[in-house]
Amino acid sequence: MRTAKTISITLPPELLVKAQEIAEREHRTISELFREALRRYRPIDPAWESLLRETRAIGKELGITTEADVERLSNEFRQEKLQAAGR
């Protein structure tokens, strides 16, 4: 059985407002939002971290700097595959 402990944190007003906006937009409670933030903050698995370093290096070599670049390249790749298949 899991137990939870209640804690208290102090935030600057503007950070609290931002957290409330994010929680509302994502249909989460503030507690859920902070739990997720802490999960993401924790150290990552070394194998995963290695993979991220490698793929970031390849992306940098290819000039990929934003998620929009990734989306554009993915769409171009799919389009080329469709054209090659004669569609």
PDB file of N, CA and C in Angstrom:
ATOM      1  N   MET A   1       0.834  -1.176   0.000  1.00  0.00           N
ATOM      2  CA  MET A   1       0.000   0.000   0.000  1.00  0.00           C
ATOM      3  C   MET A   1       0.884   1.246   0.000  1.00  0.00           C
ATOM      4  N   ARG A   2       0.606   2.154  -0.907  1.00  0.00           N
ATOM      5  CA  ARG A   2       1.390   3.379  -0.995  1.00  0.00           C
ATOM      6  C   ARG A   2       0.842   4.416  -0.036  1.00  0.00           C
ATOM      7  N   THR A   3       1.727   5.138   0.540  1.00  0.00           N
ATOM      8  CA  THR A   3       1.305   6.242   1.393  1.00  0.00           C
ATOM      9  C   THR A   3       1.902   7.514   0.831  1.00  0.00           C
ATOM     10  N   ALA A   4       1.223   8.586   1.022  1.00  0.00           N
ATOM     11  CA  ALA A   4       1.702   9.880   0.549  1.00  0.00           C
ATOM     12  C   ALA A   4       1.910  10.788   1.739  1.00  0.00           C
ATOM     13  N   LYS A   5       2.861  11.665   1.622  1.00  0.00           N
ATOM     14  CA  LYS A   5       3.116  12.663   2.649  1.00  0.00           C
ATOM     15  C   LYS A   5       2.783  14.025   2.070  1.00  0.00           C
ATOM     16  N   THR A   6       2.189  14.841   2.857  1.00  0.00           N
ATOM     17  CA  THR A   6       1.898  16.205   2.439  1.00  0.00           C
ATOM     18  C   THR A   6       3.089  17.081   2.771  1.00  0.00           C
ATOM     19  N   ILE A   7       3.489  17.899   1.804  1.00  0.00           N
ATOM     20  CA  ILE A   7       4.591  18.826   2.025  1.00  0.00           C
ATOM     21  C   ILE A   7       4.117  20.235   1.681  1.00  0.00           C
ATOM     22  N   SER A   8       4.885  21.186   2.071  1.00  0.00           N
ATOM     23  CA  SER A   8       4.590  22.575   1.754  1.00  0.00           C
ATOM     24  C   SER A   8       5.795  23.160   1.034  1.00  0.00           C
ATOM     25  N   ILE A   9       5.541  23.874  -0.062  1.00  0.00           N
ATOM     26  CA  ILE A   9       6.634  24.540  -0.756  1.00  0.00           C
ATOM     27  C   ILE A   9       6.269  26.013  -0.929  1.00  0.00           C
ATOM     28  N   THR A  10       7.272  26.815  -1.081  1.00  0.00           N
ATOM     29  CA  THR A  10       7.067  28.244  -1.290  1.00  0.00           C
ATOM     30  C   THR A  10       7.489  28.588  -2.705  1.00  0.00           C
ATOM     31  N   LEU A  11       6.603  29.270  -3.433  1.00  0.00           N
ATOM     32  CA  LEU A  11       6.887  29.677  -4.804  1.00  0.00           C
ATOM     33  C   LEU A  11       6.676  31.170  -4.950  1.00  0.00           C
ATOM     34  N   PRO A  12       7.440  31.793  -5.818  1.00  0.00           N
ATOM     35  CA  PRO A  12       7.143  33.190  -6.131  1.00  0.00           C
ATOM     36  C   PRO A  12       5.766  33.246  -6.806  1.00  0.00           C
ATOM     37  N   PRO A  13       5.030  34.322  -6.613  1.00  0.00           N
ATOM     38  CA  PRO A  13       3.669  34.406  -7.167  1.00  0.00           C
ATOM     39  C   PRO A  13       3.590  34.102  -8.662  1.00  0.00           C
ATOM     40  N   GLU A  14       4.546  34.610  -9.450  1.00  0.00           N
ATOM     41  CA  GLU A  14       4.470  34.387 -10.902  1.00  0.00           C
ATOM     42  C   GLU A  14       4.677  32.918 -11.261  1.00  0.00           C
ATOM     43  N   LEU A  15       5.499  32.199 -10.495  1.00  0.00           N
ATOM     44  CA  LEU A  15       5.703  30.773 -10.744  1.00  0.00           C
ATOM     45  C   LEU A  15       4.462  29.976 -10.347  1.00  0.00           C
ATOM     46  N   LEU A  16       3.825  30.375  -9.267  1.00  0.00           N
ATOM     47  CA  LEU A  16       2.585  29.712  -8.857  1.00  0.00           C
ATOM     48  C   LEU A  16       1.507  29.891  -9.918  1.00  0.00           C
ATOM     49  N   VAL A  17       1.367  31.103 -10.432  1.00  0.00           N
ATOM     50  CA  VAL A  17       0.364  31.368 -11.470  1.00  0.00           C
ATOM     51  C   VAL A  17       0.655  30.501 -12.689  1.00  0.00           C
ATOM     52  N   LYS A  18       1.914  30.426 -13.090  1.00  0.00           N
ATOM     53  CA  LYS A  18       2.292  29.609 -14.242  1.00  0.00           C
ATOM     54  C   LYS A  18       1.972  28.136 -13.993  1.00  0.00           C
ATOM     55  N   ALA A  19       2.280  27.636 -12.799  1.00  0.00           N
ATOM     56  CA  ALA A  19       1.984  26.238 -12.463  1.00  0.00           C
ATOM     57  C   ALA A  19       0.479  25.990 -12.498  1.00  0.00           C
ATOM     58  N   GLN A  20      -0.292  26.930 -11.985  1.00  0.00           N
ATOM     59  CA  GLN A  20      -1.747  26.779 -12.006  1.00  0.00           C
ATOM     60  C   GLN A  20      -2.281  26.769 -13.432  1.00  0.00           C
ATOM     61  N   GLU A  21      -1.731  27.620 -14.286  1.00  0.00           N
ATOM     62  CA  GLU A  21      -2.160  27.660 -15.689  1.00  0.00           C
ATOM     63  C   GLU A  21      -1.848  26.341 -16.390  1.00  0.00           C
ATOM     64  N   ILE A  22      -0.653  25.829 -16.161  1.00  0.00           N
ATOM     65  CA  ILE A  22      -0.260  24.557 -16.790  1.00  0.00           C
ATOM     66  C   ILE A  22      -1.145  23.429 -16.286  1.00  0.00           C
ATOM     67  N   ALA A  23      -1.353  23.359 -14.988  1.00  0.00           N
ATOM     68  CA  ALA A  23      -2.185  22.297 -14.410  1.00  0.00           C
ATOM     69  C   ALA A  23      -3.600  22.356 -14.980  1.00  0.00           C
ATOM     70  N   GLU A  24      -4.142  23.546 -15.076  1.00  0.00           N
ATOM     71  CA  GLU A  24      -5.502  23.684 -15.607  1.00  0.00           C
ATOM     72  C   GLU A  24      -5.559  23.272 -17.072  1.00  0.00           C
ATOM     73  N   ARG A  25      -4.582  23.732 -17.846  1.00  0.00           N
ATOM     74  CA  ARG A  25      -4.545  23.408 -19.272  1.00  0.00           C
ATOM     75  C   ARG A  25      -4.423  21.902 -19.498  1.00  0.00           C
ATOM     76  N   GLU A  26      -3.663  21.228 -18.623  1.00  0.00           N
ATOM     77  CA  GLU A  26      -3.439  19.789 -18.775  1.00  0.00           C
ATOM     78  C   GLU A  26      -4.422  18.947 -17.963  1.00  0.00           C
ATOM     79  N   HIS A  27      -5.400  19.613 -17.353  1.00  0.00           N
ATOM     80  CA  HIS A  27      -6.409  18.922 -16.541  1.00  0.00           C
ATOM     81  C   HIS A  27      -5.762  18.066 -15.455  1.00  0.00           C
ATOM     82  N   ARG A  28      -4.831  18.677 -14.739  1.00  0.00           N
ATOM     83  CA  ARG A  28      -4.112  18.022 -13.641  1.00  0.00           C
ATOM     84  C   ARG A  28      -4.279  18.848 -12.378  1.00  0.00           C
ATOM     85  N   THR A  29      -3.972  18.212 -11.270  1.00  0.00           N
ATOM     86  CA  THR A  29      -3.873  18.977 -10.033  1.00  0.00           C
ATOM     87  C   THR A  29      -2.454  19.520  -9.935  1.00  0.00           C
ATOM     88  N   ILE A  30      -2.251  20.485  -9.059  1.00  0.00           N
ATOM     89  CA  ILE A  30      -0.904  21.008  -8.831  1.00  0.00           C
ATOM     90  C   ILE A  30       0.006  19.876  -8.346  1.00  0.00           C
ATOM     91  N   SER A  31      -0.521  19.019  -7.482  1.00  0.00           N
ATOM     92  CA  SER A  31       0.292  17.892  -6.987  1.00  0.00           C
ATOM     93  C   SER A  31       0.748  16.996  -8.124  1.00  0.00           C
ATOM     94  N   GLU A  32      -0.169  16.672  -9.054  1.00  0.00           N
ATOM     95  CA  GLU A  32       0.207  15.832 -10.192  1.00  0.00           C
ATOM     96  C   GLU A  32       1.271  16.515 -11.046  1.00  0.00           C
ATOM     97  N   LEU A  33       1.109  17.809 -11.233  1.00  0.00           N
ATOM     98  CA  LEU A  33       2.070  18.564 -12.026  1.00  0.00           C
ATOM     99  C   LEU A  33       3.470  18.502 -11.410  1.00  0.00           C
ATOM    100  N   PHE A  34       3.564  18.719 -10.104  1.00  0.00           N
ATOM    101  CA  PHE A  34       4.865  18.698  -9.447  1.00  0.00           C
ATOM    102  C   PHE A  34       5.446  17.288  -9.361  1.00  0.00           C
ATOM    103  N   ARG A  35       4.594  16.275  -9.189  1.00  0.00           N
ATOM    104  CA  ARG A  35       5.100  14.894  -9.203  1.00  0.00           C
ATOM    105  C   ARG A  35       5.736  14.584 -10.557  1.00  0.00           C
ATOM    106  N   GLU A  36       5.034  14.981 -11.640  1.00  0.00           N
ATOM    107  CA  GLU A  36       5.572  14.746 -12.978  1.00  0.00           C
ATOM    108  C   GLU A  36       6.875  15.520 -13.184  1.00  0.00           C
ATOM    109  N   ALA A  37       6.937  16.747 -12.716  1.00  0.00           N
ATOM    110  CA  ALA A  37       8.159  17.543 -12.845  1.00  0.00           C
ATOM    111  C   ALA A  37       9.319  16.855 -12.123  1.00  0.00           C
ATOM    112  N   LEU A  38       9.061  16.319 -10.945  1.00  0.00           N
ATOM    113  CA  LEU A  38      10.126  15.630 -10.204  1.00  0.00           C
ATOM    114  C   LEU A  38      10.548  14.336 -10.891  1.00  0.00           C
ATOM    115  N   ARG A  39       9.580  13.609 -11.458  1.00  0.00           N
ATOM    116  CA  ARG A  39       9.938  12.392 -12.197  1.00  0.00           C
ATOM    117  C   ARG A  39      10.850  12.741 -13.367  1.00  0.00           C
ATOM    118  N   ARG A  40      10.554  13.834 -14.054  1.00  0.00           N
ATOM    119  CA  ARG A  40      11.370  14.240 -15.194  1.00  0.00           C
ATOM    120  C   ARG A  40      12.724  14.779 -14.756  1.00  0.00           C
ATOM    121  N   TYR A  41      12.806  15.299 -13.580  1.00  0.00           N
ATOM    122  CA  TYR A  41      14.039  15.883 -13.063  1.00  0.00           C
ATOM    123  C   TYR A  41      15.043  14.821 -12.631  1.00  0.00           C
ATOM    124  N   ARG A  42      14.519  13.669 -12.199  1.00  0.00           N
ATOM    125  CA  ARG A  42      15.398  12.604 -11.716  1.00  0.00           C
ATOM    126  C   ARG A  42      16.427  12.219 -12.765  1.00  0.00           C
ATOM    127  N   PRO A  43      17.584  11.726 -12.317  1.00  0.00           N
ATOM    128  CA  PRO A  43      18.590  11.283 -13.286  1.00  0.00           C
ATOM    129  C   PRO A  43      18.030  10.220 -14.222  1.00  0.00           C
ATOM    130  N   ILE A  44      18.470  10.285 -15.453  1.00  0.00           N
ATOM    131  CA  ILE A  44      18.002   9.368 -16.488  1.00  0.00           C
ATOM    132  C   ILE A  44      18.905   8.137 -16.521  1.00  0.00           C
ATOM    133  N   ASP A  45      18.361   7.044 -16.985  1.00  0.00           N
ATOM    134  CA  ASP A  45      19.092   5.797 -17.174  1.00  0.00           C
ATOM    135  C   ASP A  45      20.328   6.058 -18.051  1.00  0.00           C
ATOM    136  N   PRO A  46      21.508   5.574 -17.653  1.00  0.00           N
ATOM    137  CA  PRO A  46      22.732   5.847 -18.421  1.00  0.00           C
ATOM    138  C   PRO A  46      22.641   5.424 -19.898  1.00  0.00           C
ATOM    139  N   ALA A  47      21.987   4.310 -20.180  1.00  0.00           N
ATOM    140  CA  ALA A  47      21.868   3.864 -21.573  1.00  0.00           C
ATOM    141  C   ALA A  47      21.016   4.857 -22.366  1.00  0.00           C
ATOM    142  N   TRP A  48      19.948   5.341 -21.759  1.00  0.00           N
ATOM    143  CA  TRP A  48      19.082   6.323 -22.414  1.00  0.00           C
ATOM    144  C   TRP A  48      19.844   7.633 -22.631  1.00  0.00           C
ATOM    145  N   GLU A  49      20.596   8.046 -21.619  1.00  0.00           N
ATOM    146  CA  GLU A  49      21.383   9.278 -21.715  1.00  0.00           C
ATOM    147  C   GLU A  49      22.396   9.170 -22.854  1.00  0.00           C
ATOM    148  N   SER A  50      23.013   8.013 -23.025  1.00  0.00           N
ATOM    149  CA  SER A  50      23.971   7.785 -24.107  1.00  0.00           C
ATOM    150  C   SER A  50      23.282   7.899 -25.468  1.00  0.00           C
ATOM    151  N   LEU A  51      22.106   7.305 -25.583  1.00  0.00           N
ATOM    152  CA  LEU A  51      21.346   7.376 -26.830  1.00  0.00           C
ATOM    153  C   LEU A  51      20.975   8.829 -27.146  1.00  0.00           C
ATOM    154  N   LEU A  52      20.559   9.582 -26.136  1.00  0.00           N
ATOM    155  CA  LEU A  52      20.221  10.991 -26.348  1.00  0.00           C
ATOM    156  C   LEU A  52      21.429  11.784 -26.842  1.00  0.00           C
ATOM    157  N   ARG A  53      22.580  11.549 -26.237  1.00  0.00           N
ATOM    158  CA  ARG A  53      23.800  12.253 -26.667  1.00  0.00           C
ATOM    159  C   ARG A  53      24.115  11.951 -28.129  1.00  0.00           C
ATOM    160  N   GLU A  54      24.023  10.675 -28.495  1.00  0.00           N
ATOM    161  CA  GLU A  54      24.317  10.283 -29.876  1.00  0.00           C
ATOM    162  C   GLU A  54      23.352  10.922 -30.863  1.00  0.00           C
ATOM    163  N   THR A  55      22.058  10.862 -30.553  1.00  0.00           N
ATOM    164  CA  THR A  55      21.070  11.401 -31.494  1.00  0.00           C
ATOM    165  C   THR A  55      21.121  12.925 -31.554  1.00  0.00           C
ATOM    166  N   ARG A  56      21.435  13.559 -30.439  1.00  0.00           N
ATOM    167  CA  ARG A  56      21.592  15.017 -30.468  1.00  0.00           C
ATOM    168  C   ARG A  56      22.779  15.413 -31.340  1.00  0.00           C
ATOM    169  N   ALA A  57      23.864  14.650 -31.258  1.00  0.00           N
ATOM    170  CA  ALA A  57      25.045  14.941 -32.072  1.00  0.00           C
ATOM    171  C   ALA A  57      24.718  14.784 -33.560  1.00  0.00           C
ATOM    172  N   ILE A  58      23.997  13.733 -33.904  1.00  0.00           N
ATOM    173  CA  ILE A  58      23.604  13.519 -35.304  1.00  0.00           C
ATOM    174  C   ILE A  58      22.681  14.644 -35.757  1.00  0.00           C
ATOM    175  N   GLY A  59      21.733  15.018 -34.917  1.00  0.00           N
ATOM    176  CA  GLY A  59      20.827  16.115 -35.248  1.00  0.00           C
ATOM    177  C   GLY A  59      21.575  17.404 -35.484  1.00  0.00           C
ATOM    178  N   LYS A  60      22.565  17.668 -34.664  1.00  0.00           N
ATOM    179  CA  LYS A  60      23.365  18.887 -34.812  1.00  0.00           C
ATOM    180  C   LYS A  60      24.101  18.872 -36.149  1.00  0.00           C
ATOM    181  N   GLU A  61      24.677  17.720 -36.501  1.00  0.00           N
ATOM    182  CA  GLU A  61      25.373  17.593 -37.784  1.00  0.00           C
ATOM    183  C   GLU A  61      24.436  17.842 -38.958  1.00  0.00           C
ATOM    184  N   LEU A  62      23.177  17.430 -38.819  1.00  0.00           N
ATOM    185  CA  LEU A  62      22.194  17.585 -39.885  1.00  0.00           C
ATOM    186  C   LEU A  62      21.512  18.948 -39.867  1.00  0.00           C
ATOM    187  N   GLY A  63      21.849  19.772 -38.881  1.00  0.00           N
ATOM    188  CA  GLY A  63      21.245  21.099 -38.793  1.00  0.00           C
ATOM    189  C   GLY A  63      19.847  21.105 -38.207  1.00  0.00           C
ATOM    190  N   ILE A  64      19.506  20.049 -37.485  1.00  0.00           N
ATOM    191  CA  ILE A  64      18.191  19.963 -36.857  1.00  0.00           C
ATOM    192  C   ILE A  64      18.277  20.683 -35.516  1.00  0.00           C
ATOM    193  N   THR A  65      17.504  21.766 -35.402  1.00  0.00           N
ATOM    194  CA  THR A  65      17.585  22.562 -34.177  1.00  0.00           C
ATOM    195  C   THR A  65      16.270  22.675 -33.421  1.00  0.00           C
ATOM    196  N   THR A  66      15.161  22.340 -34.077  1.00  0.00           N
ATOM    197  CA  THR A  66      13.852  22.467 -33.416  1.00  0.00           C
ATOM    198  C   THR A  66      13.014  21.231 -33.681  1.00  0.00           C
ATOM    199  N   GLU A  67      11.944  21.106 -32.909  1.00  0.00           N
ATOM    200  CA  GLU A  67      10.995  20.016 -33.157  1.00  0.00           C
ATOM    201  C   GLU A  67      10.319  20.194 -34.505  1.00  0.00           C
ATOM    202  N   ALA A  68      10.169  21.450 -34.930  1.00  0.00           N
ATOM    203  CA  ALA A  68       9.582  21.715 -36.251  1.00  0.00           C
ATOM    204  C   ALA A  68      10.467  21.122 -37.355  1.00  0.00           C
ATOM    205  N   ASP A  69      11.795  21.185 -37.176  1.00  0.00           N
ATOM    206  CA  ASP A  69      12.717  20.571 -38.136  1.00  0.00           C
ATOM    207  C   ASP A  69      12.487  19.068 -38.202  1.00  0.00           C
ATOM    208  N   VAL A  70      12.325  18.447 -37.057  1.00  0.00           N
ATOM    209  CA  VAL A  70      12.091  16.998 -37.004  1.00  0.00           C
ATOM    210  C   VAL A  70      10.786  16.656 -37.717  1.00  0.00           C
ATOM    211  N   GLU A  71       9.743  17.417 -37.437  1.00  0.00           N
ATOM    212  CA  GLU A  71       8.438  17.182 -38.060  1.00  0.00           C
ATOM    213  C   GLU A  71       8.525  17.354 -39.577  1.00  0.00           C
ATOM    214  N   ARG A  72       9.202  18.411 -40.017  1.00  0.00           N
ATOM    215  CA  ARG A  72       9.353  18.675 -41.451  1.00  0.00           C
ATOM    216  C   ARG A  72      10.112  17.531 -42.127  1.00  0.00           C
ATOM    217  N   LEU A  73      11.214  17.106 -41.536  1.00  0.00           N
ATOM    218  CA  LEU A  73      12.000  16.018 -42.119  1.00  0.00           C
ATOM    219  C   LEU A  73      11.229  14.701 -42.131  1.00  0.00           C
ATOM    220  N   SER A  74      10.458  14.458 -41.090  1.00  0.00           N
ATOM    221  CA  SER A  74       9.631  13.242 -41.046  1.00  0.00           C
ATOM    222  C   SER A  74       8.599  13.265 -42.163  1.00  0.00           C
ATOM    223  N   ASN A  75       7.966  14.414 -42.352  1.00  0.00           N
ATOM    224  CA  ASN A  75       6.972  14.540 -43.421  1.00  0.00           C
ATOM    225  C   ASN A  75       7.608  14.363 -44.793  1.00  0.00           C
ATOM    226  N   GLU A  76       8.801  14.949 -44.988  1.00  0.00           N
ATOM    227  CA  GLU A  76       9.503  14.797 -46.258  1.00  0.00           C
ATOM    228  C   GLU A  76       9.854  13.330 -46.513  1.00  0.00           C
ATOM    229  N   PHE A  77      10.312  12.643 -45.470  1.00  0.00           N
ATOM    230  CA  PHE A  77      10.663  11.231 -45.600  1.00  0.00           C
ATOM    231  C   PHE A  77       9.435  10.401 -45.983  1.00  0.00           C
ATOM    232  N   ARG A  78       8.319  10.646 -45.298  1.00  0.00           N
ATOM    233  CA  ARG A  78       7.085   9.906 -45.607  1.00  0.00           C
ATOM    234  C   ARG A  78       6.646  10.168 -47.046  1.00  0.00           C
ATOM    235  N   GLN A  79       6.727  11.429 -47.481  1.00  0.00           N
ATOM    236  CA  GLN A  79       6.331  11.787 -48.832  1.00  0.00           C
ATOM    237  C   GLN A  79       7.211  11.070 -49.868  1.00  0.00           C
ATOM    238  N   GLU A  80       8.514  11.025 -49.604  1.00  0.00           N
ATOM    239  CA  GLU A  80       9.427  10.325 -50.511  1.00  0.00           C
ATOM    240  C   GLU A  80       9.092   8.845 -50.584  1.00  0.00           C
ATOM    241  N   LYS A  81       8.761   8.239 -49.442  1.00  0.00           N
ATOM    242  CA  LYS A  81       8.395   6.820 -49.416  1.00  0.00           C
ATOM    243  C   LYS A  81       7.127   6.569 -50.228  1.00  0.00           C
ATOM    244  N   LEU A  82       6.146   7.454 -50.092  1.00  0.00           N
ATOM    245  CA  LEU A  82       4.902   7.308 -50.857  1.00  0.00           C
ATOM    246  C   LEU A  82       5.168   7.445 -52.344  1.00  0.00           C
ATOM    247  N   GLN A  83       6.001   8.398 -52.732  1.00  0.00           N
ATOM    248  CA  GLN A  83       6.321   8.589 -54.139  1.00  0.00           C
ATOM    249  C   GLN A  83       7.083   7.388 -54.689  1.00  0.00           C
ATOM    250  N   ALA A  84       7.978   6.834 -53.912  1.00  0.00           N
ATOM    251  CA  ALA A  84       8.744   5.663 -54.334  1.00  0.00           C
ATOM    252  C   ALA A  84       7.836   4.447 -54.500  1.00  0.00           C
ATOM    253  N   ALA A  85       6.769   4.388 -53.716  1.00  0.00           N
ATOM    254  CA  ALA A  85       5.829   3.271 -53.797  1.00  0.00           C
ATOM    255  C   ALA A  85       4.827   3.488 -54.929  1.00  0.00           C
ATOM    256  N   GLY A  86       4.901   4.656 -55.583  1.00  0.00           N
ATOM    257  CA  GLY A  86       4.011   4.929 -56.717  1.00  0.00           C
ATOM    258  C   GLY A  86       2.636   5.418 -56.326  1.00  0.00           C
ATOM    259  N   ARG A  87       2.514   6.006 -55.180  1.00  0.00           N
ATOM    260  CA  ARG A  87       1.211   6.504 -54.726  1.00  0.00           C
ATOM    261  C   ARG A  87       1.047   7.950 -55.058  1.00  0.00           C
TER     262      ARG A  87
END
